[in-house]
Amino acid sequence: MVALAGTTDDDICAMTVFCMERGFVLRLIEVMPVGETGRNAAYLDLRPVRERMRARFGLIDGVVPGGGPARYLVSPDGQFKIGFITPISQHFCETCNRVRLGVDGKLHLCLGKDDVVDLRQLLRSGCSDGEIVEALLAGLRAKPWRHEFQDKPQQVVRFMSSTGG
């Protein structure tokens, strides 16, 4: 769920209870200023929300394998997990393990940058498997250590939906 300013603790608590009762993992994400829509969305800092959820539900710090950039709180019995993805209030770029493949065959290395590996072009040009693997590895090595959402808000102008988000 994208957390927007105006989202109340009651809203988040209701979703938390819903997910707890059904065994779902809940992830909350701060709005990322990608595209005009993202830049105009009302931002909500999830750090205080995280601490309130910790206190209200008795949650503890936890790790979820493959959980990506989210920082998790879990129930003491490990049955419930809530993740907080905080690209604005707490950079996580250095630990980000995500890339996104668009329908156009472009592998986006970061939501905050326009760097891509054009897999469609590579495949259509007749590259060998080894060349494709090397292009992928070079792209992964080029993932940035930090986004520039706040420093250069106009840098990324595409919609999140065009990147698979």
N, C-alpha and C. Protein backbone atom coordinates (compact mmCIF):
# COMPACT_ATOMS: atom_id res chain seq x y z
N MET A 1 0.84 -1.17 0.00
CA MET A 1 0.00 0.00 0.00
C MET A 1 0.88 1.23 0.00
N VAL A 2 0.59 2.18 -0.86
CA VAL A 2 1.30 3.45 -0.86
C VAL A 2 0.72 4.30 0.25
N ALA A 3 1.59 4.76 1.13
CA ALA A 3 1.15 5.57 2.27
C ALA A 3 1.17 7.04 1.88
N LEU A 4 0.02 7.67 1.93
CA LEU A 4 -0.12 9.07 1.58
C LEU A 4 -0.44 9.88 2.83
N ALA A 5 -0.05 11.15 2.80
CA ALA A 5 -0.44 12.03 3.89
C ALA A 5 -1.96 11.99 3.98
N GLY A 6 -2.48 11.92 5.19
CA GLY A 6 -3.91 11.80 5.38
C GLY A 6 -4.33 10.38 5.70
N THR A 7 -3.44 9.42 5.41
CA THR A 7 -3.71 8.04 5.82
C THR A 7 -3.56 8.00 7.33
N THR A 8 -4.58 7.53 8.01
CA THR A 8 -4.55 7.56 9.47
C THR A 8 -4.03 6.26 10.06
N ASP A 9 -3.63 6.34 11.31
CA ASP A 9 -3.23 5.11 12.01
C ASP A 9 -4.39 4.13 12.04
N ASP A 10 -5.61 4.62 12.15
CA ASP A 10 -6.77 3.73 12.13
C ASP A 10 -6.84 2.96 10.82
N ASP A 11 -6.56 3.64 9.70
CA ASP A 11 -6.56 2.97 8.39
C ASP A 11 -5.50 1.88 8.35
N ILE A 12 -4.30 2.23 8.80
CA ILE A 12 -3.19 1.28 8.75
C ILE A 12 -3.43 0.14 9.74
N CYS A 13 -3.96 0.44 10.91
CA CYS A 13 -4.26 -0.61 11.89
C CYS A 13 -5.32 -1.57 11.34
N ALA A 14 -6.33 -1.04 10.67
CA ALA A 14 -7.37 -1.91 10.10
C ALA A 14 -6.76 -2.85 9.05
N MET A 15 -5.86 -2.32 8.22
CA MET A 15 -5.20 -3.18 7.23
C MET A 15 -4.30 -4.20 7.92
N THR A 16 -3.64 -3.78 8.99
CA THR A 16 -2.76 -4.68 9.72
C THR A 16 -3.56 -5.85 10.30
N VAL A 17 -4.67 -5.54 10.94
CA VAL A 17 -5.52 -6.60 11.52
C VAL A 17 -6.03 -7.52 10.41
N PHE A 18 -6.48 -6.94 9.30
CA PHE A 18 -6.97 -7.73 8.17
C PHE A 18 -5.88 -8.71 7.72
N CYS A 19 -4.66 -8.22 7.56
CA CYS A 19 -3.55 -9.07 7.09
C CYS A 19 -3.15 -10.09 8.14
N MET A 20 -3.17 -9.71 9.41
CA MET A 20 -2.83 -10.65 10.49
C MET A 20 -3.80 -11.82 10.48
N GLU A 21 -5.09 -11.52 10.36
CA GLU A 21 -6.12 -12.56 10.41
C GLU A 21 -6.03 -13.53 9.24
N ARG A 22 -5.46 -13.08 8.13
CA ARG A 22 -5.43 -13.90 6.92
C ARG A 22 -4.04 -14.44 6.58
N GLY A 23 -3.05 -14.10 7.39
CA GLY A 23 -1.69 -14.57 7.14
C GLY A 23 -1.01 -13.87 5.98
N PHE A 24 -1.44 -12.65 5.65
CA PHE A 24 -0.83 -11.88 4.56
C PHE A 24 0.34 -11.07 5.09
N VAL A 25 1.30 -10.81 4.23
CA VAL A 25 2.38 -9.87 4.53
C VAL A 25 1.92 -8.50 4.04
N LEU A 26 1.99 -7.50 4.90
CA LEU A 26 1.63 -6.14 4.54
C LEU A 26 2.90 -5.35 4.30
N ARG A 27 2.94 -4.60 3.21
CA ARG A 27 4.07 -3.70 2.96
C ARG A 27 3.52 -2.31 2.71
N LEU A 28 4.10 -1.36 3.40
CA LEU A 28 3.76 0.04 3.21
C LEU A 28 4.94 0.72 2.53
N ILE A 29 4.66 1.59 1.60
CA ILE A 29 5.73 2.28 0.87
C ILE A 29 5.47 3.78 0.86
N GLU A 30 6.52 4.53 1.09
CA GLU A 30 6.43 5.98 0.97
C GLU A 30 6.29 6.33 -0.51
N VAL A 31 5.54 7.37 -0.79
CA VAL A 31 5.38 7.83 -2.16
C VAL A 31 6.74 8.23 -2.71
N MET A 32 7.04 7.73 -3.91
CA MET A 32 8.27 8.13 -4.58
C MET A 32 7.91 9.19 -5.63
N PRO A 33 8.67 10.27 -5.68
CA PRO A 33 8.35 11.35 -6.61
C PRO A 33 8.78 11.04 -8.03
N VAL A 34 8.18 9.99 -8.60
CA VAL A 34 8.47 9.59 -9.96
C VAL A 34 7.32 10.05 -10.84
N GLY A 35 7.62 10.81 -11.87
CA GLY A 35 6.59 11.35 -12.73
C GLY A 35 5.82 12.45 -12.04
N GLU A 36 5.01 13.14 -12.79
CA GLU A 36 4.25 14.28 -12.25
C GLU A 36 3.31 13.85 -11.12
N THR A 37 2.66 12.70 -11.30
CA THR A 37 1.73 12.21 -10.28
C THR A 37 2.45 11.97 -8.96
N GLY A 38 3.59 11.31 -9.01
CA GLY A 38 4.35 11.03 -7.80
C GLY A 38 4.86 12.29 -7.13
N ARG A 39 5.28 13.26 -7.94
CA ARG A 39 5.79 14.51 -7.36
C ARG A 39 4.68 15.31 -6.70
N ASN A 40 3.45 15.13 -7.16
CA ASN A 40 2.33 15.89 -6.59
C ASN A 40 1.61 15.16 -5.47
N ALA A 41 1.98 13.92 -5.20
CA ALA A 41 1.33 13.14 -4.14
C ALA A 41 1.80 13.64 -2.77
N ALA A 42 0.94 13.53 -1.80
CA ALA A 42 1.26 13.98 -0.45
C ALA A 42 2.07 12.91 0.28
N TYR A 43 3.26 13.27 0.68
CA TYR A 43 4.23 12.35 1.29
C TYR A 43 3.90 12.09 2.76
N LEU A 44 4.07 10.83 3.17
CA LEU A 44 3.93 10.44 4.57
C LEU A 44 5.20 9.71 4.99
N ASP A 45 5.89 10.25 5.99
CA ASP A 45 7.09 9.63 6.55
C ASP A 45 6.66 8.39 7.33
N LEU A 46 7.15 7.22 6.95
CA LEU A 46 6.73 5.98 7.60
C LEU A 46 7.49 5.65 8.89
N ARG A 47 8.55 6.38 9.20
CA ARG A 47 9.29 6.05 10.42
C ARG A 47 8.43 6.16 11.68
N PRO A 48 7.66 7.24 11.88
CA PRO A 48 6.80 7.29 13.08
C PRO A 48 5.68 6.25 13.03
N VAL A 49 5.17 5.96 11.84
CA VAL A 49 4.12 4.94 11.69
C VAL A 49 4.67 3.59 12.13
N ARG A 50 5.88 3.30 11.71
CA ARG A 50 6.53 2.03 12.09
C ARG A 50 6.61 1.89 13.60
N GLU A 51 7.02 2.94 14.27
CA GLU A 51 7.16 2.87 15.73
C GLU A 51 5.80 2.72 16.42
N ARG A 52 4.78 3.37 15.88
CA ARG A 52 3.43 3.22 16.46
C ARG A 52 2.91 1.80 16.25
N MET A 53 3.17 1.21 15.07
CA MET A 53 2.72 -0.16 14.81
C MET A 53 3.49 -1.15 15.71
N ARG A 54 4.77 -0.87 15.93
CA ARG A 54 5.57 -1.71 16.82
C ARG A 54 4.93 -1.74 18.21
N ALA A 55 4.61 -0.57 18.74
CA ALA A 55 4.05 -0.47 20.08
C ALA A 55 2.64 -1.07 20.15
N ARG A 56 1.82 -0.75 19.19
CA ARG A 56 0.41 -1.17 19.24
C ARG A 56 0.24 -2.68 19.12
N PHE A 57 1.06 -3.32 18.26
CA PHE A 57 0.88 -4.74 18.00
C PHE A 57 1.98 -5.61 18.61
N GLY A 58 2.88 -5.01 19.39
CA GLY A 58 3.93 -5.79 20.04
C GLY A 58 4.90 -6.43 19.05
N LEU A 59 5.20 -5.72 17.96
CA LEU A 59 6.05 -6.26 16.91
C LEU A 59 7.53 -6.03 17.23
N ILE A 60 8.37 -6.86 16.64
CA ILE A 60 9.81 -6.76 16.85
C ILE A 60 10.50 -6.69 15.49
N ASP A 61 11.75 -6.23 15.47
CA ASP A 61 12.51 -6.19 14.23
C ASP A 61 12.66 -7.60 13.69
N GLY A 62 12.56 -7.72 12.38
CA GLY A 62 12.69 -9.04 11.77
C GLY A 62 13.27 -8.95 10.37
N VAL A 63 13.60 -10.08 9.85
CA VAL A 63 14.13 -10.18 8.49
C VAL A 63 13.24 -11.14 7.73
N VAL A 64 12.92 -10.77 6.50
CA VAL A 64 12.13 -11.63 5.63
C VAL A 64 12.98 -11.95 4.42
N PRO A 65 13.38 -13.20 4.25
CA PRO A 65 14.22 -13.56 3.11
C PRO A 65 13.57 -13.14 1.79
N GLY A 66 14.36 -12.50 0.94
CA GLY A 66 13.85 -12.06 -0.35
C GLY A 66 12.92 -10.87 -0.25
N GLY A 67 12.88 -10.24 0.92
CA GLY A 67 11.95 -9.14 1.17
C GLY A 67 12.31 -7.84 0.52
N GLY A 68 13.38 -7.81 -0.24
CA GLY A 68 13.76 -6.60 -0.95
C GLY A 68 14.16 -5.48 -0.01
N PRO A 69 13.84 -4.26 -0.40
CA PRO A 69 14.30 -3.11 0.37
C PRO A 69 13.46 -2.80 1.61
N ALA A 70 12.43 -3.56 1.85
CA ALA A 70 11.58 -3.29 3.02
C ALA A 70 12.33 -3.62 4.31
N ARG A 71 12.05 -2.82 5.33
CA ARG A 71 12.51 -3.12 6.70
C ARG A 71 11.28 -3.67 7.42
N TYR A 72 11.45 -4.83 8.05
CA TYR A 72 10.29 -5.54 8.58
C TYR A 72 10.18 -5.50 10.09
N LEU A 73 8.93 -5.48 10.53
CA LEU A 73 8.56 -5.80 11.90
C LEU A 73 7.79 -7.11 11.80
N VAL A 74 7.98 -7.97 12.78
CA VAL A 74 7.28 -9.26 12.78
C VAL A 74 6.66 -9.49 14.16
N SER A 75 5.65 -10.34 14.18
CA SER A 75 5.09 -10.73 15.47
C SER A 75 6.10 -11.64 16.16
N PRO A 76 6.10 -11.68 17.49
CA PRO A 76 7.07 -12.52 18.19
C PRO A 76 7.03 -13.99 17.78
N ASP A 77 5.84 -14.47 17.36
CA ASP A 77 5.75 -15.87 16.92
C ASP A 77 6.13 -16.05 15.44
N GLY A 78 6.45 -14.95 14.75
CA GLY A 78 6.86 -15.00 13.36
C GLY A 78 5.74 -15.20 12.36
N GLN A 79 4.50 -15.20 12.81
CA GLN A 79 3.37 -15.47 11.91
C GLN A 79 2.94 -14.25 11.10
N PHE A 80 3.24 -13.04 11.59
CA PHE A 80 2.82 -11.83 10.86
C PHE A 80 4.04 -10.98 10.56
N LYS A 81 4.03 -10.37 9.36
CA LYS A 81 5.13 -9.52 8.92
C LYS A 81 4.56 -8.26 8.28
N ILE A 82 5.14 -7.13 8.64
CA ILE A 82 4.78 -5.86 8.01
C ILE A 82 6.08 -5.17 7.59
N GLY A 83 6.15 -4.83 6.31
CA GLY A 83 7.34 -4.20 5.76
C GLY A 83 7.12 -2.72 5.53
N PHE A 84 8.19 -1.97 5.71
CA PHE A 84 8.17 -0.52 5.50
C PHE A 84 9.23 -0.18 4.47
N ILE A 85 8.79 0.30 3.31
CA ILE A 85 9.70 0.68 2.25
C ILE A 85 9.80 2.20 2.29
N THR A 86 10.99 2.68 2.62
CA THR A 86 11.17 4.10 2.94
C THR A 86 12.23 4.76 2.06
N PRO A 87 11.93 4.94 0.78
CA PRO A 87 12.94 5.50 -0.12
C PRO A 87 13.28 6.95 0.17
N ILE A 88 12.39 7.68 0.80
CA ILE A 88 12.64 9.09 1.05
C ILE A 88 13.22 9.31 2.45
N SER A 89 12.57 8.77 3.47
CA SER A 89 13.03 9.04 4.84
C SER A 89 14.27 8.25 5.23
N GLN A 90 14.49 7.10 4.59
CA GLN A 90 15.66 6.26 4.88
C GLN A 90 16.13 5.61 3.59
N HIS A 91 17.19 6.13 3.03
CA HIS A 91 17.71 5.54 1.79
C HIS A 91 18.02 4.06 2.01
N PHE A 92 17.69 3.26 1.02
CA PHE A 92 18.03 1.84 1.08
C PHE A 92 18.74 1.40 -0.20
N CYS A 93 19.12 2.35 -1.02
CA CYS A 93 19.67 2.03 -2.34
C CYS A 93 20.84 1.06 -2.27
N GLU A 94 21.71 1.22 -1.28
CA GLU A 94 22.90 0.37 -1.23
C GLU A 94 22.57 -1.10 -0.98
N THR A 95 21.36 -1.38 -0.49
CA THR A 95 20.96 -2.77 -0.26
C THR A 95 19.84 -3.22 -1.19
N CYS A 96 19.46 -2.37 -2.12
CA CYS A 96 18.35 -2.70 -3.02
C CYS A 96 18.73 -3.86 -3.94
N ASN A 97 17.88 -4.87 -3.97
CA ASN A 97 18.13 -6.03 -4.82
C ASN A 97 17.07 -6.14 -5.92
N ARG A 98 16.47 -5.03 -6.30
CA ARG A 98 15.39 -5.04 -7.26
C ARG A 98 15.80 -4.44 -8.60
N VAL A 99 15.29 -5.03 -9.65
CA VAL A 99 15.30 -4.48 -11.00
C VAL A 99 13.90 -4.75 -11.55
N ARG A 100 13.52 -4.05 -12.58
CA ARG A 100 12.19 -4.26 -13.16
C ARG A 100 12.32 -4.40 -14.68
N LEU A 101 11.64 -5.40 -15.21
CA LEU A 101 11.63 -5.63 -16.64
C LEU A 101 10.34 -5.07 -17.21
N GLY A 102 10.49 -4.10 -18.11
CA GLY A 102 9.33 -3.50 -18.75
C GLY A 102 8.86 -4.33 -19.93
N VAL A 103 7.64 -4.07 -20.38
CA VAL A 103 7.09 -4.82 -21.51
C VAL A 103 7.85 -4.54 -22.79
N ASP A 104 8.64 -3.47 -22.80
CA ASP A 104 9.43 -3.13 -23.98
C ASP A 104 10.79 -3.83 -23.99
N GLY A 105 11.02 -4.72 -23.02
CA GLY A 105 12.28 -5.46 -22.98
C GLY A 105 13.41 -4.73 -22.30
N LYS A 106 13.12 -3.58 -21.71
CA LYS A 106 14.16 -2.82 -21.01
C LYS A 106 14.16 -3.18 -19.54
N LEU A 107 15.34 -3.51 -19.04
CA LEU A 107 15.52 -3.83 -17.64
C LEU A 107 15.92 -2.54 -16.92
N HIS A 108 14.99 -2.04 -16.11
CA HIS A 108 15.23 -0.80 -15.35
C HIS A 108 16.00 -1.17 -14.09
N LEU A 109 17.14 -0.52 -13.90
CA LEU A 109 18.02 -0.85 -12.79
C LEU A 109 17.64 -0.13 -11.51
N CYS A 110 16.90 0.97 -11.62
CA CYS A 110 16.52 1.78 -10.46
C CYS A 110 15.30 2.61 -10.83
N LEU A 111 14.36 2.72 -9.90
CA LEU A 111 13.19 3.55 -10.18
C LEU A 111 13.53 5.04 -10.20
N GLY A 112 14.66 5.39 -9.59
CA GLY A 112 15.05 6.79 -9.51
C GLY A 112 16.02 7.23 -10.58
N LYS A 113 16.29 6.37 -11.52
CA LYS A 113 17.23 6.70 -12.61
C LYS A 113 16.64 6.17 -13.92
N ASP A 114 17.18 6.64 -15.02
CA ASP A 114 16.72 6.18 -16.32
C ASP A 114 17.64 5.13 -16.93
N ASP A 115 18.63 4.64 -16.19
CA ASP A 115 19.55 3.63 -16.70
C ASP A 115 18.82 2.32 -16.94
N VAL A 116 19.07 1.72 -18.11
CA VAL A 116 18.44 0.45 -18.47
C VAL A 116 19.44 -0.46 -19.18
N VAL A 117 19.11 -1.73 -19.18
CA VAL A 117 19.77 -2.70 -20.05
C VAL A 117 18.69 -3.09 -21.06
N ASP A 118 18.95 -2.81 -22.31
CA ASP A 118 17.95 -3.06 -23.36
C ASP A 118 18.07 -4.52 -23.83
N LEU A 119 17.37 -5.39 -23.13
CA LEU A 119 17.42 -6.82 -23.46
C LEU A 119 16.81 -7.12 -24.83
N ARG A 120 15.77 -6.41 -25.19
CA ARG A 120 15.14 -6.64 -26.50
C ARG A 120 16.15 -6.39 -27.62
N GLN A 121 16.86 -5.28 -27.50
CA GLN A 121 17.86 -4.95 -28.53
C GLN A 121 18.95 -6.01 -28.58
N LEU A 122 19.40 -6.46 -27.41
CA LEU A 122 20.43 -7.49 -27.36
C LEU A 122 19.96 -8.79 -28.00
N LEU A 123 18.74 -9.20 -27.64
CA LEU A 123 18.21 -10.46 -28.18
C LEU A 123 18.01 -10.37 -29.69
N ARG A 124 17.52 -9.24 -30.15
CA ARG A 124 17.25 -9.10 -31.59
C ARG A 124 18.53 -8.94 -32.41
N SER A 125 19.60 -8.51 -31.77
CA SER A 125 20.86 -8.32 -32.51
C SER A 125 21.65 -9.61 -32.62
N GLY A 126 21.15 -10.68 -32.03
CA GLY A 126 21.82 -11.97 -32.15
C GLY A 126 22.97 -12.17 -31.18
N CYS A 127 22.97 -11.45 -30.07
CA CYS A 127 24.03 -11.63 -29.06
C CYS A 127 24.04 -13.06 -28.54
N SER A 128 25.20 -13.50 -28.15
CA SER A 128 25.31 -14.83 -27.55
C SER A 128 24.79 -14.78 -26.11
N ASP A 129 24.53 -15.94 -25.56
CA ASP A 129 24.10 -16.01 -24.15
C ASP A 129 25.13 -15.35 -23.24
N GLY A 130 26.40 -15.59 -23.53
CA GLY A 130 27.47 -15.00 -22.72
C GLY A 130 27.46 -13.48 -22.77
N GLU A 131 27.19 -12.91 -23.94
CA GLU A 131 27.13 -11.45 -24.07
C GLU A 131 25.94 -10.88 -23.31
N ILE A 132 24.84 -11.60 -23.35
CA ILE A 132 23.65 -11.15 -22.60
C ILE A 132 23.92 -11.21 -21.10
N VAL A 133 24.53 -12.30 -20.65
CA VAL A 133 24.87 -12.42 -19.23
C VAL A 133 25.81 -11.29 -18.83
N GLU A 134 26.80 -10.99 -19.64
CA GLU A 134 27.74 -9.91 -19.31
C GLU A 134 27.02 -8.56 -19.27
N ALA A 135 26.10 -8.31 -20.18
CA ALA A 135 25.33 -7.06 -20.17
C ALA A 135 24.50 -6.96 -18.90
N LEU A 136 23.89 -8.08 -18.48
CA LEU A 136 23.11 -8.09 -17.24
C LEU A 136 24.00 -7.80 -16.03
N LEU A 137 25.14 -8.46 -15.97
CA LEU A 137 26.06 -8.25 -14.85
C LEU A 137 26.59 -6.82 -14.82
N ALA A 138 26.91 -6.28 -15.99
CA ALA A 138 27.38 -4.89 -16.05
C ALA A 138 26.28 -3.95 -15.57
N GLY A 139 25.03 -4.22 -15.96
CA GLY A 139 23.91 -3.40 -15.50
C GLY A 139 23.75 -3.47 -14.00
N LEU A 140 23.82 -4.68 -13.44
CA LEU A 140 23.67 -4.84 -11.99
C LEU A 140 24.80 -4.15 -11.24
N ARG A 141 26.00 -4.18 -11.79
CA ARG A 141 27.12 -3.48 -11.16
C ARG A 141 26.92 -1.97 -11.21
N ALA A 142 26.14 -1.50 -12.18
CA ALA A 142 25.91 -0.06 -12.35
C ALA A 142 24.74 0.47 -11.52
N LYS A 143 24.07 -0.41 -10.78
CA LYS A 143 22.97 0.07 -9.94
C LYS A 143 23.50 1.18 -9.03
N PRO A 144 22.77 2.28 -8.91
CA PRO A 144 23.28 3.40 -8.13
C PRO A 144 23.29 3.12 -6.62
N TRP A 145 24.17 3.80 -5.93
CA TRP A 145 24.26 3.67 -4.47
C TRP A 145 23.28 4.61 -3.78
N ARG A 146 22.69 5.52 -4.54
CA ARG A 146 21.77 6.48 -3.93
C ARG A 146 20.90 7.10 -5.02
N HIS A 147 19.62 7.24 -4.74
CA HIS A 147 18.76 7.94 -5.70
C HIS A 147 18.87 9.45 -5.47
N GLU A 148 18.27 10.21 -6.36
CA GLU A 148 18.33 11.67 -6.26
C GLU A 148 16.92 12.26 -6.29
N PHE A 149 15.95 11.57 -5.71
CA PHE A 149 14.57 12.04 -5.75
C PHE A 149 14.43 13.45 -5.20
N GLN A 150 15.12 13.75 -4.12
CA GLN A 150 14.97 15.06 -3.51
C GLN A 150 15.90 16.10 -4.14
N ASP A 151 17.09 15.68 -4.57
CA ASP A 151 18.04 16.60 -5.17
C ASP A 151 17.66 16.99 -6.60
N LYS A 152 17.15 16.03 -7.35
CA LYS A 152 16.79 16.25 -8.76
C LYS A 152 15.40 15.68 -9.03
N PRO A 153 14.36 16.34 -8.50
CA PRO A 153 13.01 15.76 -8.61
C PRO A 153 12.50 15.62 -10.04
N GLN A 154 13.02 16.38 -10.96
CA GLN A 154 12.56 16.29 -12.35
C GLN A 154 13.33 15.25 -13.16
N GLN A 155 14.29 14.57 -12.52
CA GLN A 155 15.18 13.65 -13.24
C GLN A 155 14.42 12.52 -13.92
N VAL A 156 13.46 11.92 -13.25
CA VAL A 156 12.70 10.81 -13.83
C VAL A 156 11.29 11.31 -14.11
N VAL A 157 10.92 11.29 -15.38
CA VAL A 157 9.62 11.84 -15.76
C VAL A 157 8.60 10.78 -16.15
N ARG A 158 8.99 9.52 -16.21
CA ARG A 158 8.06 8.47 -16.59
C ARG A 158 7.09 8.16 -15.45
N PHE A 159 5.97 7.56 -15.80
CA PHE A 159 5.03 7.09 -14.78
C PHE A 159 5.54 5.79 -14.19
N MET A 160 5.24 5.56 -12.91
CA MET A 160 5.64 4.30 -12.28
C MET A 160 5.07 3.12 -13.06
N SER A 161 3.84 3.24 -13.55
CA SER A 161 3.21 2.12 -14.24
C SER A 161 3.97 1.74 -15.51
N SER A 162 4.71 2.66 -16.10
CA SER A 162 5.48 2.32 -17.30
C SER A 162 6.75 1.55 -16.95
N THR A 163 7.07 1.49 -15.66
CA THR A 163 8.25 0.77 -15.20
C THR A 163 7.83 -0.50 -14.47
N GLY A 164 6.56 -0.74 -14.37
CA GLY A 164 6.09 -1.94 -13.68
C GLY A 164 5.79 -1.69 -12.21
N GLY A 165 5.53 -0.47 -11.82
CA GLY A 165 5.25 -0.17 -10.42
C GLY A 165 3.99 0.59 -10.23
